[in-house]
N, C-alpha and C. Protein backbone atom coordinates (compact mmCIF):
# COMPACT_ATOMS: atom_id res chain seq x y z
N UNK A 1 78.98 114.83 128.96
CA UNK A 1 80.01 114.94 129.98
C UNK A 1 79.36 115.35 131.29
N UNK A 2 79.49 114.54 132.31
CA UNK A 2 78.98 114.87 133.64
C UNK A 2 80.07 114.70 134.69
N UNK A 3 81.30 115.06 134.32
CA UNK A 3 82.42 114.94 135.24
C UNK A 3 82.36 116.02 136.30
N UNK A 4 82.94 115.71 137.46
CA UNK A 4 83.03 116.71 138.52
C UNK A 4 84.27 117.57 138.29
N UNK A 5 84.11 118.86 138.56
CA UNK A 5 85.18 119.83 138.38
C UNK A 5 85.39 120.60 139.68
N UNK A 6 86.63 120.94 139.96
CA UNK A 6 86.92 121.84 141.07
C UNK A 6 86.94 123.24 140.48
N UNK A 7 86.12 124.11 141.04
CA UNK A 7 86.01 125.48 140.57
C UNK A 7 86.97 126.35 141.37
N UNK A 8 87.80 127.09 140.65
CA UNK A 8 88.80 127.96 141.26
C UNK A 8 88.62 129.38 140.73
N UNK A 9 89.11 130.34 141.49
CA UNK A 9 89.16 131.71 141.02
C UNK A 9 90.63 132.08 140.89
N UNK A 10 91.03 132.50 139.69
CA UNK A 10 92.38 132.96 139.42
C UNK A 10 92.25 134.32 138.74
N UNK A 11 92.79 135.35 139.37
CA UNK A 11 92.75 136.71 138.84
C UNK A 11 91.33 137.13 138.50
N UNK A 12 90.38 136.77 139.35
CA UNK A 12 88.99 137.16 139.17
C UNK A 12 88.22 136.34 138.17
N UNK A 13 88.85 135.36 137.55
CA UNK A 13 88.19 134.54 136.54
C UNK A 13 87.88 133.16 137.10
N UNK A 14 86.66 132.68 136.83
CA UNK A 14 86.28 131.34 137.27
C UNK A 14 86.86 130.32 136.31
N UNK A 15 87.64 129.40 136.87
CA UNK A 15 88.28 128.35 136.08
C UNK A 15 87.94 127.00 136.68
N UNK A 16 88.16 125.97 135.90
CA UNK A 16 87.83 124.61 136.35
C UNK A 16 88.98 123.67 136.03
N UNK A 17 89.18 122.70 136.94
CA UNK A 17 90.10 121.60 136.69
C UNK A 17 89.36 120.32 137.10
N UNK A 18 89.67 119.20 136.46
CA UNK A 18 88.97 117.95 136.80
C UNK A 18 89.18 117.59 138.27
N UNK A 19 88.11 117.27 138.96
CA UNK A 19 88.19 116.91 140.38
C UNK A 19 89.06 115.67 140.60
N UNK A 20 89.09 114.75 139.65
CA UNK A 20 89.90 113.55 139.81
C UNK A 20 91.39 113.88 139.85
N UNK A 21 91.77 115.05 139.37
CA UNK A 21 93.17 115.48 139.38
C UNK A 21 93.58 116.09 140.71
N UNK A 22 92.61 116.47 141.54
CA UNK A 22 92.90 117.18 142.78
C UNK A 22 93.00 116.19 143.94
N UNK A 23 94.18 116.15 144.55
CA UNK A 23 94.41 115.25 145.69
C UNK A 23 93.78 115.80 146.96
N UNK A 24 93.90 117.12 147.16
CA UNK A 24 93.30 117.78 148.31
C UNK A 24 93.38 119.29 148.11
N UNK A 25 92.75 120.01 149.02
CA UNK A 25 92.85 121.46 149.07
C UNK A 25 93.43 121.79 150.43
N UNK A 26 94.48 122.62 150.43
CA UNK A 26 95.15 122.93 151.69
C UNK A 26 95.27 124.43 151.89
N UNK A 27 95.45 124.79 153.13
CA UNK A 27 95.78 126.16 153.51
C UNK A 27 97.29 126.18 153.69
N UNK A 28 97.97 126.97 152.89
CA UNK A 28 99.43 127.03 152.98
C UNK A 28 99.84 127.80 154.22
N UNK A 29 100.78 127.24 154.96
CA UNK A 29 101.30 127.92 156.14
C UNK A 29 102.68 128.48 155.85
N UNK A 30 103.64 127.62 155.69
CA UNK A 30 105.00 128.05 155.39
C UNK A 30 105.35 127.67 153.96
N UNK A 31 105.84 128.64 153.22
CA UNK A 31 106.35 128.39 151.87
C UNK A 31 107.80 128.85 151.88
N UNK A 32 108.68 127.93 151.57
CA UNK A 32 110.11 128.20 151.61
C UNK A 32 110.62 128.48 150.20
N UNK A 33 111.17 129.67 149.97
CA UNK A 33 111.67 130.03 148.64
C UNK A 33 112.76 129.07 148.17
N UNK A 34 112.83 128.91 146.86
CA UNK A 34 113.86 128.08 146.24
C UNK A 34 114.75 129.02 145.44
N UNK A 35 116.03 129.15 145.83
CA UNK A 35 116.93 130.05 145.09
C UNK A 35 117.01 129.68 143.61
N UNK A 36 117.04 130.70 142.78
CA UNK A 36 117.19 130.57 141.33
C UNK A 36 116.02 129.91 140.63
N UNK A 37 114.90 129.77 141.31
CA UNK A 37 113.72 129.20 140.65
C UNK A 37 113.00 130.31 139.90
N UNK A 38 112.22 129.97 138.89
CA UNK A 38 111.43 130.98 138.19
C UNK A 38 110.47 131.67 139.16
N UNK A 39 110.07 132.90 138.85
CA UNK A 39 109.23 133.66 139.78
C UNK A 39 107.87 133.02 140.04
N UNK A 40 107.35 132.21 139.09
CA UNK A 40 106.05 131.58 139.31
C UNK A 40 106.13 130.39 140.28
N UNK A 41 107.34 129.93 140.59
CA UNK A 41 107.52 128.91 141.62
C UNK A 41 107.66 129.66 142.94
N UNK A 42 106.60 129.66 143.73
CA UNK A 42 106.59 130.41 144.99
C UNK A 42 107.53 129.78 146.01
N UNK A 43 107.79 128.48 145.90
CA UNK A 43 108.68 127.79 146.81
C UNK A 43 108.23 126.37 147.07
N UNK A 44 108.62 125.88 148.24
CA UNK A 44 108.26 124.53 148.66
C UNK A 44 107.48 124.59 149.96
N UNK A 45 106.59 123.63 150.13
CA UNK A 45 105.87 123.48 151.38
C UNK A 45 105.72 121.98 151.63
N UNK A 46 105.14 121.63 152.76
CA UNK A 46 104.97 120.22 153.10
C UNK A 46 103.50 119.92 153.39
N UNK A 47 103.12 118.70 153.06
CA UNK A 47 101.79 118.19 153.37
C UNK A 47 101.97 116.73 153.76
N UNK A 48 101.62 116.40 154.98
CA UNK A 48 101.74 115.03 155.48
C UNK A 48 103.11 114.43 155.13
N UNK A 49 104.15 115.16 155.49
CA UNK A 49 105.55 114.73 155.30
C UNK A 49 105.96 114.58 153.84
N UNK A 50 105.21 115.16 152.93
CA UNK A 50 105.57 115.14 151.52
C UNK A 50 105.86 116.56 151.07
N UNK A 51 106.88 116.70 150.25
CA UNK A 51 107.26 118.00 149.72
C UNK A 51 106.38 118.36 148.53
N UNK A 52 105.93 119.61 148.48
CA UNK A 52 105.12 120.11 147.37
C UNK A 52 105.79 121.33 146.78
N UNK A 53 105.82 121.41 145.47
CA UNK A 53 106.26 122.62 144.80
C UNK A 53 105.06 123.53 144.69
N UNK A 54 105.19 124.75 145.21
CA UNK A 54 104.08 125.72 145.20
C UNK A 54 104.19 126.57 143.94
N UNK A 55 103.13 126.53 143.13
CA UNK A 55 103.06 127.29 141.89
C UNK A 55 102.07 128.43 142.09
N UNK A 56 102.53 129.66 141.91
CA UNK A 56 101.64 130.81 141.95
C UNK A 56 100.92 130.85 140.60
N UNK A 57 99.66 130.47 140.58
CA UNK A 57 98.92 130.32 139.33
C UNK A 57 98.86 131.60 138.52
N UNK A 58 98.69 132.73 139.19
CA UNK A 58 98.61 134.00 138.46
C UNK A 58 99.92 134.31 137.74
N UNK A 59 101.04 134.10 138.42
CA UNK A 59 102.34 134.33 137.78
C UNK A 59 102.60 133.32 136.68
N UNK A 60 102.18 132.07 136.88
CA UNK A 60 102.38 131.03 135.88
C UNK A 60 101.61 131.33 134.60
N UNK A 61 100.46 131.94 134.74
CA UNK A 61 99.65 132.32 133.57
C UNK A 61 100.17 133.61 132.96
N UNK A 62 100.63 134.51 133.84
CA UNK A 62 101.12 135.80 133.38
C UNK A 62 100.11 136.91 133.57
N UNK A 63 99.24 136.77 134.58
CA UNK A 63 98.21 137.79 134.84
C UNK A 63 98.35 138.44 136.21
N UNK A 64 99.46 138.21 136.89
CA UNK A 64 99.58 138.65 138.28
C UNK A 64 99.90 140.13 138.39
N UNK A 65 99.34 140.71 139.45
CA UNK A 65 99.73 142.06 139.83
C UNK A 65 100.71 142.01 141.00
N UNK A 66 101.12 140.81 141.38
CA UNK A 66 102.09 140.63 142.45
C UNK A 66 101.51 140.55 143.84
N UNK A 67 100.22 140.81 144.01
CA UNK A 67 99.59 140.75 145.33
C UNK A 67 98.88 139.42 145.51
N UNK A 68 99.26 138.70 146.52
CA UNK A 68 98.63 137.41 146.81
C UNK A 68 97.61 137.63 147.92
N UNK A 69 96.36 137.23 147.68
CA UNK A 69 95.30 137.49 148.65
C UNK A 69 94.84 136.24 149.38
N UNK A 70 95.24 135.08 148.93
CA UNK A 70 94.75 133.83 149.50
C UNK A 70 95.91 132.87 149.69
N UNK A 71 95.81 132.04 150.69
CA UNK A 71 96.83 131.03 150.94
C UNK A 71 96.28 129.62 150.70
N UNK A 72 95.19 129.51 149.96
CA UNK A 72 94.62 128.20 149.65
C UNK A 72 95.21 127.67 148.36
N UNK A 73 95.38 126.36 148.34
CA UNK A 73 95.99 125.75 147.16
C UNK A 73 95.33 124.40 146.89
N UNK A 74 95.20 124.10 145.60
CA UNK A 74 94.74 122.78 145.17
C UNK A 74 95.98 121.93 144.94
N UNK A 75 96.03 120.77 145.56
CA UNK A 75 97.17 119.87 145.43
C UNK A 75 96.89 118.91 144.28
N UNK A 76 97.82 118.88 143.33
CA UNK A 76 97.70 118.01 142.17
C UNK A 76 99.00 117.24 141.98
N UNK A 77 98.92 116.16 141.20
CA UNK A 77 100.09 115.37 140.91
C UNK A 77 100.28 115.29 139.41
N UNK A 78 101.49 115.61 138.97
CA UNK A 78 101.83 115.52 137.55
C UNK A 78 103.15 114.77 137.45
N UNK A 79 103.13 113.67 136.72
CA UNK A 79 104.32 112.83 136.52
C UNK A 79 105.01 112.51 137.85
N UNK A 80 104.24 112.02 138.80
CA UNK A 80 104.72 111.57 140.11
C UNK A 80 105.31 112.69 140.97
N UNK A 81 105.00 113.93 140.66
CA UNK A 81 105.46 115.05 141.49
C UNK A 81 104.24 115.83 141.97
N UNK A 82 104.25 116.19 143.26
CA UNK A 82 103.12 116.92 143.83
C UNK A 82 103.34 118.43 143.73
N UNK A 83 102.27 119.13 143.35
CA UNK A 83 102.28 120.58 143.23
C UNK A 83 101.11 121.14 144.04
N UNK A 84 101.33 122.31 144.62
CA UNK A 84 100.26 123.07 145.26
C UNK A 84 100.00 124.28 144.37
N UNK A 85 98.83 124.34 143.76
CA UNK A 85 98.47 125.46 142.89
C UNK A 85 97.86 126.56 143.72
N UNK A 86 98.61 127.61 143.94
CA UNK A 86 98.14 128.75 144.71
C UNK A 86 97.17 129.54 143.86
N UNK A 87 95.95 129.71 144.36
CA UNK A 87 94.89 130.39 143.62
C UNK A 87 94.27 131.48 144.50
N UNK A 88 93.42 132.31 143.91
CA UNK A 88 92.75 133.35 144.68
C UNK A 88 91.68 132.76 145.59
N UNK A 89 91.02 131.73 145.08
CA UNK A 89 89.95 131.11 145.86
C UNK A 89 89.66 129.71 145.32
N UNK A 90 89.41 128.78 146.23
CA UNK A 90 88.87 127.47 145.84
C UNK A 90 87.38 127.59 146.09
N UNK A 91 86.61 127.68 145.02
CA UNK A 91 85.21 128.07 145.14
C UNK A 91 84.29 126.91 145.51
N UNK A 92 84.33 125.81 144.74
CA UNK A 92 83.33 124.78 144.94
C UNK A 92 83.63 123.59 144.02
N UNK A 93 82.76 122.60 144.10
CA UNK A 93 82.75 121.48 143.16
C UNK A 93 81.52 121.67 142.29
N UNK A 94 81.70 121.46 140.99
CA UNK A 94 80.57 121.61 140.07
C UNK A 94 80.56 120.42 139.12
N UNK A 95 79.40 120.20 138.52
CA UNK A 95 79.27 119.13 137.54
C UNK A 95 79.32 119.73 136.14
N UNK A 96 80.19 119.18 135.30
CA UNK A 96 80.29 119.64 133.91
C UNK A 96 79.02 119.26 133.16
N UNK A 97 78.50 120.20 132.40
CA UNK A 97 77.32 119.96 131.59
C UNK A 97 77.66 119.84 130.11
N UNK A 98 78.95 120.09 129.76
CA UNK A 98 79.38 120.03 128.37
C UNK A 98 80.87 119.72 128.31
N UNK A 99 81.34 119.36 127.13
CA UNK A 99 82.77 119.28 126.88
C UNK A 99 83.28 120.70 126.69
N UNK A 100 84.58 120.95 126.91
CA UNK A 100 85.12 122.29 126.65
C UNK A 100 84.93 122.67 125.18
N UNK A 101 84.53 123.91 124.94
CA UNK A 101 84.35 124.39 123.57
C UNK A 101 85.13 125.68 123.39
N UNK A 102 85.57 125.95 122.16
CA UNK A 102 86.33 127.18 121.90
C UNK A 102 85.48 128.41 122.20
N UNK A 103 86.18 129.49 122.53
CA UNK A 103 85.51 130.75 122.79
C UNK A 103 85.79 131.68 121.62
N UNK A 104 84.73 132.20 121.03
CA UNK A 104 84.90 133.14 119.92
C UNK A 104 85.71 134.34 120.41
N UNK A 105 86.76 134.66 119.73
CA UNK A 105 87.61 135.77 120.14
C UNK A 105 88.70 135.37 121.11
N UNK A 106 88.72 134.12 121.53
CA UNK A 106 89.77 133.63 122.44
C UNK A 106 89.55 134.03 123.88
N UNK A 107 90.55 133.75 124.70
CA UNK A 107 90.47 133.97 126.14
C UNK A 107 91.32 135.14 126.59
N UNK A 108 92.06 135.72 125.67
CA UNK A 108 93.04 136.74 126.01
C UNK A 108 94.42 136.10 125.94
N UNK A 109 95.40 136.88 125.61
CA UNK A 109 96.75 136.37 125.34
C UNK A 109 97.32 135.58 126.51
N UNK A 110 97.17 136.07 127.72
CA UNK A 110 97.77 135.40 128.88
C UNK A 110 97.14 134.04 129.14
N UNK A 111 95.86 133.89 128.86
CA UNK A 111 95.15 132.65 129.15
C UNK A 111 95.22 131.63 128.02
N UNK A 112 95.56 132.06 126.83
CA UNK A 112 95.50 131.21 125.65
C UNK A 112 96.32 129.92 125.81
N UNK A 113 97.50 130.01 126.45
CA UNK A 113 98.39 128.86 126.57
C UNK A 113 97.85 127.80 127.51
N UNK A 114 97.12 128.17 128.55
CA UNK A 114 96.70 127.21 129.57
C UNK A 114 95.23 126.81 129.48
N UNK A 115 94.44 127.52 128.72
CA UNK A 115 93.01 127.23 128.63
C UNK A 115 92.71 126.28 127.48
N UNK A 116 91.87 125.29 127.76
CA UNK A 116 91.47 124.35 126.71
C UNK A 116 90.11 124.66 126.14
N UNK A 117 89.37 125.56 126.76
CA UNK A 117 88.06 125.94 126.27
C UNK A 117 87.14 126.33 127.42
N UNK A 118 85.94 126.68 127.08
CA UNK A 118 84.92 127.05 128.06
C UNK A 118 84.03 125.84 128.27
N UNK A 119 83.76 125.53 129.54
CA UNK A 119 82.90 124.41 129.87
C UNK A 119 81.68 124.93 130.62
N UNK A 120 80.52 124.42 130.27
CA UNK A 120 79.30 124.76 131.00
C UNK A 120 79.21 123.85 132.23
N UNK A 121 78.87 124.43 133.36
CA UNK A 121 78.69 123.67 134.59
C UNK A 121 77.32 123.96 135.17
N UNK A 122 76.96 123.22 136.20
CA UNK A 122 75.69 123.49 136.86
C UNK A 122 75.72 124.81 137.62
N UNK A 123 76.88 125.48 137.66
CA UNK A 123 77.01 126.79 138.31
C UNK A 123 77.32 127.91 137.31
N UNK A 124 77.25 127.61 136.03
CA UNK A 124 77.55 128.59 135.00
C UNK A 124 78.84 128.23 134.28
N UNK A 125 79.25 129.06 133.31
CA UNK A 125 80.43 128.75 132.51
C UNK A 125 81.73 128.95 133.29
N UNK A 126 82.75 128.18 132.89
CA UNK A 126 84.08 128.29 133.49
C UNK A 126 85.12 127.96 132.44
N UNK A 127 86.28 128.54 132.59
CA UNK A 127 87.40 128.29 131.69
C UNK A 127 88.12 127.03 132.15
N UNK A 128 88.20 126.04 131.27
CA UNK A 128 88.87 124.78 131.60
C UNK A 128 90.38 124.97 131.45
N UNK A 129 91.13 124.53 132.47
CA UNK A 129 92.57 124.74 132.51
C UNK A 129 93.31 123.43 132.31
N UNK A 130 94.38 123.48 131.50
CA UNK A 130 95.29 122.35 131.32
C UNK A 130 96.35 122.47 132.42
N UNK A 131 96.29 121.59 133.41
CA UNK A 131 97.17 121.67 134.58
C UNK A 131 98.64 121.56 134.19
N UNK A 132 98.98 120.65 133.30
CA UNK A 132 100.38 120.47 132.90
C UNK A 132 100.94 121.75 132.29
N UNK A 133 100.15 122.43 131.48
CA UNK A 133 100.62 123.67 130.87
C UNK A 133 100.73 124.78 131.92
N UNK A 134 99.85 124.77 132.89
CA UNK A 134 99.92 125.77 133.96
C UNK A 134 101.22 125.64 134.75
N UNK A 135 101.56 124.42 135.14
CA UNK A 135 102.76 124.27 135.98
C UNK A 135 104.05 124.47 135.19
N UNK A 136 103.99 124.43 133.85
CA UNK A 136 105.16 124.75 133.03
C UNK A 136 105.52 126.23 133.15
N UNK A 137 104.52 127.06 133.41
CA UNK A 137 104.74 128.49 133.53
C UNK A 137 105.01 129.15 132.19
N UNK A 138 105.20 130.46 132.22
CA UNK A 138 105.39 131.20 130.98
C UNK A 138 106.70 130.88 130.27
N UNK A 139 107.66 130.24 130.96
CA UNK A 139 108.94 129.90 130.32
C UNK A 139 108.76 128.88 129.22
N UNK A 140 107.68 128.12 129.26
CA UNK A 140 107.45 127.10 128.24
C UNK A 140 107.33 127.74 126.87
N UNK A 141 106.79 128.96 126.80
CA UNK A 141 106.64 129.65 125.52
C UNK A 141 107.99 130.08 124.95
N UNK A 142 108.94 130.36 125.82
CA UNK A 142 110.25 130.84 125.37
C UNK A 142 111.13 129.73 124.83
N UNK A 143 110.81 128.48 125.18
CA UNK A 143 111.66 127.36 124.77
C UNK A 143 111.56 127.03 123.32
């Protein structure tokens, strides 16, 4: 596996998502709250006249302390809908050196639902994230 990955920091942990899934990286300016939406949906924003649903990645995973330190987001598309994944940091692009592999002892309860395994990169190990499971948020477990 020599795929390119976008390296992100979420709650101090280095994570990776496939670069082919990322449409762009943006600096969020205005995020408009959506009444009655789950807390992990930060709201809506716009990019080039397109509406994006902003997902607070830490809240979606369930590791947030409620303090948002960064306004950068990776824009992804799932089932013809655009999402802005709010993260702590968009770190870099890295090349995968392995397929994701299980981690002995797991990733921790909050990460277990969204992580597919640990992937080695040319910048060190990173937790591979399933984007679809991330945007479902913690409510997916309750269903």
